[in-house]
Amino acid sequence: MYKVHFEDRFILISPEPDRLQKYGLFHKFHDTAALYGLISDFQSDTSIPSINVYGPNIKHIWKIFRIYFTEVGAAGGLVMHSSGRYLFIEKKGKLDLPKGHIEPGEEADKCALREVSEECGIKGHRIVKVLEPSYHTYSWEGISYLKKTSWFLMHYTGPMISEPQEKEGITKVEWLLPEEISKIRSSAWLSLMDLINVSILRP
């Protein structure tokens, strides 16, 4: 399955209808034009909370879906301190994890390590596990982008720096225990909650 976030709404692509949760719309894939019309309508009509697009050839649907967008790559880190706390930041009024665009010729893991250092001011963190990527869309100057963010679980034993890196647009830094994470649900992106539900709350 593939889940693509449109801010706090999403489209799920699956081989069969997903009956485990409610969707605003179900759409069985038939042809490219119908799918692209559906995406365009979903972008403009924010009253639709979610769509489940399904069909037996999910790889083909995903390929067609991606062609609609201009693709960009990013990478970030879920940092676990030796104390058991996890690093979160606040950016643009939303709690998030440190991440950023992959530079030309840069590997995703190197980008993730660099972005964590730049946005959070820590050093000595190391990757211990590759996590599932996330996908979200945004529009800029009339172009629709699909961003794939590669995520990595990192371990860190140094000082728990809490001063925000204002030059990076960070307004808050928090180190939370797993049992404290529920308090951020109302101020975090849906894509972030999906990631931490799988990686922290249900490892």
N, C-alpha and C. Protein backbone atom coordinates (compact mmCIF):
# COMPACT_ATOMS: atom_id res chain seq x y z
N MET A 1 0.84 -1.19 0.00
CA MET A 1 0.00 0.00 0.00
C MET A 1 0.88 1.25 0.00
N TYR A 2 0.35 2.31 -0.55
CA TYR A 2 1.02 3.60 -0.55
C TYR A 2 0.06 4.65 0.00
N LYS A 3 0.55 5.46 0.93
CA LYS A 3 -0.26 6.51 1.53
C LYS A 3 0.40 7.85 1.23
N VAL A 4 -0.35 8.73 0.57
CA VAL A 4 0.18 10.03 0.18
C VAL A 4 -0.60 11.11 0.90
N HIS A 5 0.12 11.95 1.63
CA HIS A 5 -0.51 12.98 2.45
C HIS A 5 -0.64 14.30 1.68
N PHE A 6 -1.80 14.89 1.80
CA PHE A 6 -2.08 16.24 1.28
C PHE A 6 -2.35 17.08 2.53
N GLU A 7 -1.28 17.56 3.16
CA GLU A 7 -1.35 18.15 4.51
C GLU A 7 -1.97 17.10 5.44
N ASP A 8 -3.15 17.39 6.03
CA ASP A 8 -3.74 16.42 6.95
C ASP A 8 -4.88 15.61 6.32
N ARG A 9 -4.83 15.48 4.99
CA ARG A 9 -5.72 14.57 4.26
C ARG A 9 -4.83 13.59 3.50
N PHE A 10 -5.41 12.54 2.96
CA PHE A 10 -4.55 11.58 2.27
C PHE A 10 -5.30 10.76 1.24
N ILE A 11 -4.52 10.20 0.32
CA ILE A 11 -4.99 9.20 -0.63
C ILE A 11 -4.23 7.92 -0.34
N LEU A 12 -4.96 6.83 -0.17
CA LEU A 12 -4.35 5.51 0.04
C LEU A 12 -4.53 4.68 -1.22
N ILE A 13 -3.44 4.10 -1.70
CA ILE A 13 -3.48 3.22 -2.86
C ILE A 13 -3.28 1.80 -2.37
N SER A 14 -4.23 0.92 -2.67
CA SER A 14 -4.20 -0.45 -2.16
C SER A 14 -4.71 -1.42 -3.22
N PRO A 15 -4.35 -2.72 -3.10
CA PRO A 15 -4.81 -3.70 -4.09
C PRO A 15 -6.29 -4.04 -3.97
N GLU A 16 -6.85 -3.90 -2.77
CA GLU A 16 -8.26 -4.16 -2.51
C GLU A 16 -8.83 -2.99 -1.72
N PRO A 17 -10.16 -2.81 -1.73
CA PRO A 17 -10.74 -1.75 -0.91
C PRO A 17 -10.36 -1.93 0.56
N ASP A 18 -9.90 -0.85 1.19
CA ASP A 18 -9.53 -0.88 2.60
C ASP A 18 -10.77 -0.64 3.45
N ARG A 19 -11.33 -1.71 4.00
CA ARG A 19 -12.55 -1.60 4.79
C ARG A 19 -12.28 -1.40 6.28
N LEU A 20 -11.00 -1.26 6.66
CA LEU A 20 -10.67 -1.15 8.08
C LEU A 20 -10.94 0.26 8.62
N GLN A 21 -11.00 1.25 7.74
CA GLN A 21 -11.33 2.59 8.20
C GLN A 21 -12.23 3.28 7.18
N LYS A 22 -12.85 4.36 7.61
CA LYS A 22 -13.78 5.07 6.75
C LYS A 22 -13.01 6.01 5.81
N TYR A 23 -13.50 6.11 4.58
CA TYR A 23 -12.92 7.01 3.59
C TYR A 23 -14.00 7.93 3.04
N GLY A 24 -13.56 9.11 2.60
CA GLY A 24 -14.51 10.01 1.96
C GLY A 24 -15.00 9.44 0.64
N LEU A 25 -14.08 8.79 -0.09
CA LEU A 25 -14.41 8.19 -1.38
C LEU A 25 -13.63 6.90 -1.59
N PHE A 26 -14.25 5.97 -2.31
CA PHE A 26 -13.54 4.79 -2.82
C PHE A 26 -13.51 4.91 -4.33
N HIS A 27 -12.38 4.55 -4.93
CA HIS A 27 -12.26 4.66 -6.39
C HIS A 27 -11.51 3.45 -6.91
N LYS A 28 -12.17 2.66 -7.76
CA LYS A 28 -11.50 1.55 -8.41
C LYS A 28 -10.80 2.05 -9.66
N PHE A 29 -9.51 1.81 -9.75
CA PHE A 29 -8.73 2.34 -10.88
C PHE A 29 -9.17 1.69 -12.19
N HIS A 30 -9.47 2.56 -13.18
CA HIS A 30 -9.82 2.09 -14.52
C HIS A 30 -8.85 2.63 -15.57
N ASP A 31 -8.61 3.94 -15.50
CA ASP A 31 -7.72 4.54 -16.51
C ASP A 31 -7.05 5.78 -15.94
N THR A 32 -6.02 6.23 -16.65
CA THR A 32 -5.20 7.34 -16.19
C THR A 32 -5.99 8.63 -16.09
N ALA A 33 -6.80 8.94 -17.09
CA ALA A 33 -7.54 10.21 -17.10
C ALA A 33 -8.46 10.32 -15.89
N ALA A 34 -9.14 9.23 -15.54
CA ALA A 34 -10.04 9.26 -14.39
C ALA A 34 -9.27 9.46 -13.10
N LEU A 35 -8.10 8.83 -12.99
CA LEU A 35 -7.28 8.99 -11.78
C LEU A 35 -6.79 10.42 -11.65
N TYR A 36 -6.32 11.00 -12.75
CA TYR A 36 -5.82 12.36 -12.69
C TYR A 36 -6.93 13.36 -12.39
N GLY A 37 -8.12 13.10 -12.90
CA GLY A 37 -9.25 13.94 -12.55
C GLY A 37 -9.58 13.86 -11.07
N LEU A 38 -9.47 12.65 -10.53
CA LEU A 38 -9.73 12.44 -9.11
C LEU A 38 -8.72 13.19 -8.25
N ILE A 39 -7.43 13.12 -8.62
CA ILE A 39 -6.39 13.83 -7.87
C ILE A 39 -6.63 15.32 -7.91
N SER A 40 -6.95 15.85 -9.11
CA SER A 40 -7.19 17.29 -9.25
C SER A 40 -8.37 17.74 -8.39
N ASP A 41 -9.45 16.95 -8.40
CA ASP A 41 -10.62 17.29 -7.59
C ASP A 41 -10.28 17.25 -6.11
N PHE A 42 -9.48 16.27 -5.70
CA PHE A 42 -9.11 16.13 -4.29
C PHE A 42 -8.25 17.32 -3.84
N GLN A 43 -7.36 17.78 -4.72
CA GLN A 43 -6.53 18.93 -4.39
C GLN A 43 -7.36 20.18 -4.15
N SER A 44 -8.41 20.35 -4.94
CA SER A 44 -9.20 21.58 -4.85
C SER A 44 -10.34 21.51 -3.84
N ASP A 45 -10.83 20.32 -3.55
CA ASP A 45 -11.97 20.17 -2.63
C ASP A 45 -11.47 19.63 -1.29
N THR A 46 -11.19 20.53 -0.37
CA THR A 46 -10.64 20.13 0.92
C THR A 46 -11.68 19.54 1.87
N SER A 47 -12.94 19.46 1.42
CA SER A 47 -13.96 18.84 2.27
C SER A 47 -13.88 17.32 2.22
N ILE A 48 -13.14 16.77 1.25
CA ILE A 48 -12.97 15.32 1.16
C ILE A 48 -11.78 14.93 2.04
N PRO A 49 -11.99 14.18 3.11
CA PRO A 49 -10.87 13.89 4.03
C PRO A 49 -9.89 12.85 3.50
N SER A 50 -10.37 11.91 2.68
CA SER A 50 -9.49 10.83 2.23
C SER A 50 -10.13 10.09 1.07
N ILE A 51 -9.27 9.45 0.28
CA ILE A 51 -9.72 8.62 -0.83
C ILE A 51 -8.94 7.31 -0.82
N ASN A 52 -9.61 6.21 -1.07
CA ASN A 52 -8.96 4.92 -1.24
C ASN A 52 -9.04 4.54 -2.71
N VAL A 53 -7.90 4.62 -3.41
CA VAL A 53 -7.80 4.17 -4.79
C VAL A 53 -7.30 2.74 -4.77
N TYR A 54 -8.01 1.83 -5.45
CA TYR A 54 -7.61 0.43 -5.37
C TYR A 54 -7.67 -0.24 -6.74
N GLY A 55 -6.91 -1.31 -6.86
CA GLY A 55 -6.85 -2.10 -8.09
C GLY A 55 -5.80 -3.18 -7.91
N PRO A 56 -5.93 -4.29 -8.64
CA PRO A 56 -5.02 -5.43 -8.42
C PRO A 56 -3.56 -5.14 -8.76
N ASN A 57 -3.30 -4.28 -9.75
CA ASN A 57 -1.91 -3.98 -10.14
C ASN A 57 -1.47 -2.69 -9.46
N ILE A 58 -1.13 -2.81 -8.18
CA ILE A 58 -0.84 -1.62 -7.39
C ILE A 58 0.43 -0.92 -7.87
N LYS A 59 1.41 -1.67 -8.37
CA LYS A 59 2.65 -1.05 -8.86
C LYS A 59 2.36 -0.16 -10.07
N HIS A 60 1.44 -0.61 -10.93
CA HIS A 60 1.08 0.19 -12.10
C HIS A 60 0.34 1.45 -11.66
N ILE A 61 -0.58 1.33 -10.72
CA ILE A 61 -1.33 2.49 -10.23
C ILE A 61 -0.36 3.50 -9.62
N TRP A 62 0.57 3.02 -8.82
CA TRP A 62 1.55 3.90 -8.16
C TRP A 62 2.42 4.62 -9.19
N LYS A 63 2.82 3.92 -10.24
CA LYS A 63 3.62 4.54 -11.29
C LYS A 63 2.84 5.65 -11.99
N ILE A 64 1.58 5.38 -12.34
CA ILE A 64 0.74 6.37 -12.99
C ILE A 64 0.48 7.55 -12.06
N PHE A 65 0.23 7.27 -10.79
CA PHE A 65 -0.02 8.31 -9.79
C PHE A 65 1.17 9.26 -9.71
N ARG A 66 2.38 8.72 -9.66
CA ARG A 66 3.59 9.55 -9.51
C ARG A 66 3.83 10.44 -10.71
N ILE A 67 3.47 9.97 -11.91
CA ILE A 67 3.71 10.76 -13.11
C ILE A 67 2.94 12.08 -13.08
N TYR A 68 1.83 12.12 -12.36
CA TYR A 68 1.03 13.34 -12.25
C TYR A 68 1.82 14.48 -11.60
N PHE A 69 2.80 14.13 -10.76
CA PHE A 69 3.53 15.11 -9.96
C PHE A 69 4.98 15.27 -10.44
N THR A 70 5.60 16.35 -10.00
CA THR A 70 7.04 16.51 -10.09
C THR A 70 7.63 15.96 -8.78
N GLU A 71 8.52 14.99 -8.89
CA GLU A 71 9.02 14.30 -7.69
C GLU A 71 10.26 14.98 -7.12
N VAL A 72 10.32 15.06 -5.80
CA VAL A 72 11.48 15.58 -5.09
C VAL A 72 11.80 14.63 -3.94
N GLY A 73 13.06 14.65 -3.50
CA GLY A 73 13.48 13.75 -2.43
C GLY A 73 13.93 14.51 -1.20
N ALA A 74 13.65 13.94 -0.05
CA ALA A 74 14.07 14.51 1.23
C ALA A 74 14.45 13.36 2.16
N ALA A 75 15.08 13.70 3.27
CA ALA A 75 15.45 12.68 4.25
C ALA A 75 15.48 13.31 5.64
N GLY A 76 15.21 12.49 6.65
CA GLY A 76 15.19 13.00 8.01
C GLY A 76 15.43 11.91 9.02
N GLY A 77 15.47 12.32 10.28
CA GLY A 77 15.80 11.37 11.34
C GLY A 77 14.86 11.39 12.52
N LEU A 78 14.56 10.20 13.02
CA LEU A 78 13.89 10.02 14.30
C LEU A 78 14.99 9.68 15.30
N VAL A 79 15.32 10.65 16.15
CA VAL A 79 16.49 10.52 17.02
C VAL A 79 16.07 10.02 18.40
N MET A 80 16.65 8.89 18.79
CA MET A 80 16.39 8.30 20.11
C MET A 80 17.62 8.51 20.99
N HIS A 81 17.42 9.19 22.11
CA HIS A 81 18.50 9.43 23.06
C HIS A 81 18.70 8.20 23.94
N SER A 82 19.89 8.06 24.47
CA SER A 82 20.18 6.91 25.35
C SER A 82 19.30 6.91 26.60
N SER A 83 18.69 8.04 26.93
CA SER A 83 17.77 8.12 28.07
C SER A 83 16.40 7.53 27.75
N GLY A 84 16.16 7.26 26.46
CA GLY A 84 14.85 6.76 26.05
C GLY A 84 13.93 7.83 25.50
N ARG A 85 14.39 9.07 25.47
CA ARG A 85 13.59 10.16 24.93
C ARG A 85 13.83 10.33 23.43
N TYR A 86 12.84 10.90 22.74
CA TYR A 86 12.92 11.12 21.29
C TYR A 86 12.89 12.61 21.01
N LEU A 87 13.60 13.00 19.97
CA LEU A 87 13.76 14.41 19.60
C LEU A 87 12.66 14.86 18.64
N PHE A 88 11.97 15.94 19.01
CA PHE A 88 10.96 16.56 18.16
C PHE A 88 11.25 18.06 18.05
N ILE A 89 10.86 18.64 16.94
CA ILE A 89 11.02 20.08 16.74
C ILE A 89 9.68 20.69 16.37
N GLU A 90 9.58 22.00 16.54
CA GLU A 90 8.42 22.73 16.06
C GLU A 90 8.86 23.64 14.93
N LYS A 91 8.17 23.54 13.79
CA LYS A 91 8.51 24.33 12.62
C LYS A 91 7.23 24.74 11.92
N LYS A 92 7.08 26.01 11.60
CA LYS A 92 5.88 26.54 10.95
C LYS A 92 4.62 26.21 11.77
N GLY A 93 4.78 26.24 13.10
CA GLY A 93 3.64 26.03 13.98
C GLY A 93 3.22 24.60 14.18
N LYS A 94 3.96 23.65 13.60
CA LYS A 94 3.63 22.23 13.71
C LYS A 94 4.81 21.45 14.28
N LEU A 95 4.52 20.48 15.16
CA LEU A 95 5.58 19.60 15.63
C LEU A 95 5.98 18.65 14.52
N ASP A 96 7.27 18.39 14.41
CA ASP A 96 7.78 17.62 13.29
C ASP A 96 9.09 16.96 13.70
N LEU A 97 9.70 16.29 12.74
CA LEU A 97 11.04 15.73 12.92
C LEU A 97 12.00 16.47 11.99
N PRO A 98 13.27 16.54 12.36
CA PRO A 98 14.23 17.22 11.48
C PRO A 98 14.38 16.49 10.15
N LYS A 99 14.30 17.27 9.07
CA LYS A 99 14.40 16.70 7.72
C LYS A 99 14.72 17.81 6.74
N GLY A 100 15.09 17.45 5.52
CA GLY A 100 15.35 18.45 4.50
C GLY A 100 15.57 17.82 3.15
N HIS A 101 15.66 18.66 2.13
CA HIS A 101 15.84 18.19 0.76
C HIS A 101 17.21 17.55 0.56
N ILE A 102 17.21 16.49 -0.24
CA ILE A 102 18.46 15.83 -0.61
C ILE A 102 19.15 16.66 -1.69
N GLU A 103 20.40 16.98 -1.46
CA GLU A 103 21.16 17.77 -2.43
C GLU A 103 21.61 16.88 -3.58
N PRO A 104 21.87 17.48 -4.76
CA PRO A 104 22.31 16.68 -5.92
C PRO A 104 23.54 15.84 -5.60
N GLY A 105 23.45 14.53 -5.87
CA GLY A 105 24.55 13.62 -5.62
C GLY A 105 24.68 13.13 -4.19
N GLU A 106 23.80 13.60 -3.31
CA GLU A 106 23.86 13.23 -1.90
C GLU A 106 23.04 11.97 -1.64
N GLU A 107 23.56 11.07 -0.81
CA GLU A 107 22.82 9.88 -0.41
C GLU A 107 21.81 10.25 0.67
N ALA A 108 20.69 9.52 0.70
CA ALA A 108 19.62 9.84 1.65
C ALA A 108 20.08 9.77 3.10
N ASP A 109 20.89 8.76 3.44
CA ASP A 109 21.34 8.63 4.83
C ASP A 109 22.25 9.79 5.24
N LYS A 110 23.11 10.23 4.32
CA LYS A 110 24.01 11.36 4.62
C LYS A 110 23.19 12.64 4.77
N CYS A 111 22.16 12.80 3.95
CA CYS A 111 21.28 13.96 4.06
C CYS A 111 20.59 13.98 5.42
N ALA A 112 20.07 12.83 5.84
CA ALA A 112 19.36 12.76 7.12
C ALA A 112 20.27 13.15 8.29
N LEU A 113 21.48 12.63 8.29
CA LEU A 113 22.43 12.97 9.36
C LEU A 113 22.76 14.45 9.34
N ARG A 114 22.96 15.00 8.16
CA ARG A 114 23.29 16.43 8.02
C ARG A 114 22.14 17.30 8.49
N GLU A 115 20.92 16.97 8.08
CA GLU A 115 19.77 17.78 8.46
C GLU A 115 19.53 17.79 9.96
N VAL A 116 19.72 16.65 10.61
CA VAL A 116 19.56 16.59 12.07
C VAL A 116 20.57 17.50 12.75
N SER A 117 21.81 17.48 12.26
CA SER A 117 22.84 18.36 12.83
C SER A 117 22.50 19.83 12.62
N GLU A 118 22.10 20.17 11.40
CA GLU A 118 21.83 21.57 11.08
C GLU A 118 20.60 22.10 11.81
N GLU A 119 19.56 21.30 11.91
CA GLU A 119 18.31 21.79 12.49
C GLU A 119 18.27 21.68 14.01
N CYS A 120 19.07 20.76 14.58
CA CYS A 120 18.98 20.53 16.03
C CYS A 120 20.28 20.79 16.78
N GLY A 121 21.36 21.02 16.05
CA GLY A 121 22.63 21.36 16.69
C GLY A 121 23.31 20.24 17.43
N ILE A 122 22.97 18.99 17.10
CA ILE A 122 23.63 17.87 17.78
C ILE A 122 24.66 17.21 16.87
N LYS A 123 25.62 16.52 17.49
CA LYS A 123 26.65 15.80 16.76
C LYS A 123 26.86 14.44 17.40
N GLY A 124 27.35 13.50 16.62
CA GLY A 124 27.63 12.17 17.16
C GLY A 124 26.48 11.19 17.04
N HIS A 125 25.38 11.60 16.43
CA HIS A 125 24.24 10.69 16.23
C HIS A 125 24.59 9.72 15.10
N ARG A 126 24.02 8.53 15.18
CA ARG A 126 24.31 7.51 14.15
C ARG A 126 23.03 6.77 13.80
N ILE A 127 22.99 6.30 12.57
CA ILE A 127 21.81 5.57 12.08
C ILE A 127 21.86 4.12 12.56
N VAL A 128 20.74 3.65 13.09
CA VAL A 128 20.66 2.26 13.56
C VAL A 128 19.62 1.45 12.78
N LYS A 129 18.73 2.14 12.03
CA LYS A 129 17.68 1.41 11.33
C LYS A 129 17.06 2.30 10.25
N VAL A 130 16.74 1.69 9.12
CA VAL A 130 16.00 2.38 8.06
C VAL A 130 14.51 2.22 8.33
N LEU A 131 13.77 3.33 8.30
CA LEU A 131 12.33 3.31 8.54
C LEU A 131 11.58 3.44 7.22
N GLU A 132 10.28 3.21 7.25
CA GLU A 132 9.46 3.32 6.04
C GLU A 132 9.43 4.79 5.58
N PRO A 133 9.53 5.03 4.28
CA PRO A 133 9.44 6.41 3.79
C PRO A 133 8.02 6.95 3.90
N SER A 134 7.90 8.26 3.85
CA SER A 134 6.58 8.89 3.82
C SER A 134 6.47 9.73 2.55
N TYR A 135 5.24 9.98 2.14
CA TYR A 135 4.98 10.74 0.92
C TYR A 135 3.99 11.84 1.22
N HIS A 136 4.28 13.04 0.74
CA HIS A 136 3.28 14.10 0.84
C HIS A 136 3.41 15.03 -0.36
N THR A 137 2.35 15.79 -0.61
CA THR A 137 2.30 16.67 -1.76
C THR A 137 2.22 18.12 -1.32
N TYR A 138 2.66 18.99 -2.22
CA TYR A 138 2.47 20.42 -2.03
C TYR A 138 2.54 21.08 -3.40
N SER A 139 2.04 22.29 -3.50
CA SER A 139 2.06 23.03 -4.76
C SER A 139 2.87 24.30 -4.59
N TRP A 140 3.63 24.65 -5.65
CA TRP A 140 4.44 25.85 -5.63
C TRP A 140 4.50 26.41 -7.04
N GLU A 141 4.04 27.65 -7.17
CA GLU A 141 4.04 28.35 -8.46
C GLU A 141 3.34 27.51 -9.54
N GLY A 142 2.21 26.94 -9.15
CA GLY A 142 1.38 26.20 -10.10
C GLY A 142 1.83 24.79 -10.41
N ILE A 143 2.88 24.32 -9.74
CA ILE A 143 3.40 22.97 -9.97
C ILE A 143 3.06 22.10 -8.76
N SER A 144 2.54 20.89 -9.01
CA SER A 144 2.24 19.95 -7.94
C SER A 144 3.44 19.02 -7.72
N TYR A 145 3.92 18.99 -6.49
CA TYR A 145 5.09 18.19 -6.16
C TYR A 145 4.69 17.00 -5.30
N LEU A 146 5.40 15.89 -5.50
CA LEU A 146 5.28 14.72 -4.63
C LEU A 146 6.64 14.52 -3.97
N LYS A 147 6.67 14.69 -2.65
CA LYS A 147 7.94 14.56 -1.92
C LYS A 147 7.99 13.20 -1.21
N LYS A 148 9.04 12.45 -1.50
CA LYS A 148 9.33 11.23 -0.77
C LYS A 148 10.38 11.55 0.28
N THR A 149 10.04 11.31 1.55
CA THR A 149 11.01 11.52 2.64
C THR A 149 11.48 10.17 3.14
N SER A 150 12.79 9.95 3.02
CA SER A 150 13.40 8.73 3.56
C SER A 150 13.72 8.97 5.03
N TRP A 151 13.27 8.05 5.89
CA TRP A 151 13.43 8.23 7.34
C TRP A 151 14.41 7.21 7.91
N PHE A 152 15.14 7.65 8.94
CA PHE A 152 16.12 6.78 9.59
C PHE A 152 16.01 6.94 11.11
N LEU A 153 16.00 5.80 11.80
CA LEU A 153 16.08 5.82 13.26
C LEU A 153 17.53 6.02 13.65
N MET A 154 17.79 7.00 14.52
CA MET A 154 19.15 7.33 14.93
C MET A 154 19.30 7.21 16.44
N HIS A 155 20.51 6.88 16.86
CA HIS A 155 20.83 6.81 18.30
C HIS A 155 21.79 7.93 18.64
N TYR A 156 21.59 8.51 19.83
CA TYR A 156 22.38 9.67 20.24
C TYR A 156 22.60 9.62 21.75
N THR A 157 23.83 9.89 22.18
CA THR A 157 24.17 9.80 23.60
C THR A 157 24.64 11.13 24.18
N GLY A 158 24.68 12.18 23.36
CA GLY A 158 25.21 13.46 23.82
C GLY A 158 24.20 14.31 24.58
N PRO A 159 24.54 15.58 24.79
CA PRO A 159 23.64 16.50 25.52
C PRO A 159 22.30 16.66 24.79
N MET A 160 21.22 16.72 25.54
CA MET A 160 19.90 16.93 24.96
C MET A 160 19.67 18.43 24.77
N ILE A 161 20.22 18.94 23.67
CA ILE A 161 20.12 20.36 23.37
C ILE A 161 18.67 20.75 23.15
N SER A 162 18.24 21.83 23.77
CA SER A 162 16.84 22.25 23.65
C SER A 162 16.69 23.66 23.09
N GLU A 163 17.82 24.30 22.73
CA GLU A 163 17.74 25.64 22.15
C GLU A 163 17.39 25.52 20.66
N PRO A 164 16.30 26.13 20.23
CA PRO A 164 15.91 26.04 18.82
C PRO A 164 16.90 26.74 17.91
N GLN A 165 17.13 26.15 16.74
CA GLN A 165 18.00 26.76 15.73
C GLN A 165 17.13 27.71 14.89
N GLU A 166 17.03 28.95 15.34
CA GLU A 166 16.11 29.89 14.70
C GLU A 166 16.46 30.15 13.24
N LYS A 167 17.74 30.09 12.90
CA LYS A 167 18.14 30.33 11.51
C LYS A 167 17.62 29.22 10.59
N GLU A 168 17.26 28.07 11.17
CA GLU A 168 16.67 26.96 10.41
C GLU A 168 15.15 26.97 10.47
N GLY A 169 14.59 28.00 11.09
CA GLY A 169 13.14 28.08 11.20
C GLY A 169 12.56 27.24 12.32
N ILE A 170 13.40 26.78 13.23
CA ILE A 170 12.94 25.95 14.36
C ILE A 170 12.53 26.86 15.51
N THR A 171 11.33 26.66 16.04
CA THR A 171 10.85 27.49 17.14
C THR A 171 10.80 26.76 18.48
N LYS A 172 10.96 25.44 18.46
CA LYS A 172 10.94 24.67 19.71
C LYS A 172 11.64 23.34 19.50
N VAL A 173 12.32 22.87 20.55
CA VAL A 173 12.93 21.54 20.55
C VAL A 173 12.45 20.82 21.81
N GLU A 174 11.97 19.59 21.64
CA GLU A 174 11.48 18.81 22.77
C GLU A 174 12.05 17.41 22.72
N TRP A 175 12.36 16.86 23.90
CA TRP A 175 12.79 15.46 24.03
C TRP A 175 11.71 14.74 24.82
N LEU A 176 10.97 13.86 24.17
CA LEU A 176 9.80 13.24 24.79
C LEU A 176 9.98 11.75 25.01
N LEU A 177 9.48 11.27 26.16
CA LEU A 177 9.39 9.84 26.40
C LEU A 177 8.23 9.27 25.58
N PRO A 178 8.26 7.97 25.26
CA PRO A 178 7.18 7.39 24.47
C PRO A 178 5.79 7.65 25.05
N GLU A 179 5.67 7.60 26.38
CA GLU A 179 4.36 7.80 26.99
C GLU A 179 3.90 9.27 26.94
N GLU A 180 4.81 10.19 26.60
CA GLU A 180 4.45 11.60 26.49
C GLU A 180 4.03 12.00 25.07
N ILE A 181 4.24 11.10 24.12
CA ILE A 181 4.04 11.46 22.72
C ILE A 181 2.58 11.73 22.39
N SER A 182 1.66 11.11 23.13
CA SER A 182 0.23 11.32 22.84
C SER A 182 -0.16 12.79 22.93
N LYS A 183 0.58 13.56 23.70
CA LYS A 183 0.21 14.97 23.87
C LYS A 183 0.49 15.80 22.62
N ILE A 184 1.23 15.27 21.68
CA ILE A 184 1.55 16.06 20.49
C ILE A 184 0.59 15.79 19.33
N ARG A 185 -0.35 14.88 19.50
CA ARG A 185 -1.23 14.49 18.39
C ARG A 185 -1.96 15.68 17.78
N SER A 186 -2.42 16.60 18.60
CA SER A 186 -3.20 17.72 18.10
C SER A 186 -2.35 18.78 17.41
N SER A 187 -1.02 18.70 17.57
CA SER A 187 -0.16 19.72 16.99
C SER A 187 0.92 19.11 16.08
N ALA A 188 0.63 17.95 15.51
CA ALA A 188 1.59 17.28 14.63
C ALA A 188 0.91 16.90 13.33
N TRP A 189 1.69 16.84 12.27
CA TRP A 189 1.16 16.39 10.99
C TRP A 189 0.71 14.94 11.08
N LEU A 190 -0.32 14.60 10.33
CA LEU A 190 -0.81 13.23 10.29
C LEU A 190 0.28 12.26 9.84
N SER A 191 1.10 12.69 8.88
CA SER A 191 2.18 11.83 8.40
C SER A 191 3.19 11.53 9.50
N LEU A 192 3.43 12.50 10.39
CA LEU A 192 4.35 12.28 11.51
C LEU A 192 3.76 11.26 12.48
N MET A 193 2.46 11.39 12.77
CA MET A 193 1.85 10.45 13.69
C MET A 193 1.86 9.03 13.12
N ASP A 194 1.67 8.89 11.80
CA ASP A 194 1.76 7.57 11.18
C ASP A 194 3.14 6.97 11.41
N LEU A 195 4.17 7.79 11.23
CA LEU A 195 5.55 7.32 11.39
C LEU A 195 5.83 6.89 12.82
N ILE A 196 5.47 7.72 13.80
CA ILE A 196 5.82 7.37 15.17
C ILE A 196 4.92 6.27 15.73
N ASN A 197 3.70 6.16 15.21
CA ASN A 197 2.85 5.04 15.64
C ASN A 197 3.51 3.70 15.29
N VAL A 198 4.11 3.63 14.12
CA VAL A 198 4.76 2.40 13.67
C VAL A 198 6.13 2.22 14.31
N SER A 199 6.89 3.32 14.43
CA SER A 199 8.29 3.23 14.83
C SER A 199 8.52 3.27 16.34
N ILE A 200 7.61 3.94 17.09
CA ILE A 200 7.80 4.09 18.53
C ILE A 200 6.72 3.36 19.31
N LEU A 201 5.46 3.66 18.98
CA LEU A 201 4.36 3.12 19.78
C LEU A 201 4.08 1.65 19.46
N ARG A 202 4.38 1.23 18.19
CA ARG A 202 4.23 -0.17 17.82
C ARG A 202 5.48 -0.63 17.09
N PRO A 203 6.64 -0.64 17.77
CA PRO A 203 7.90 -0.99 17.08
C PRO A 203 7.93 -2.44 16.66
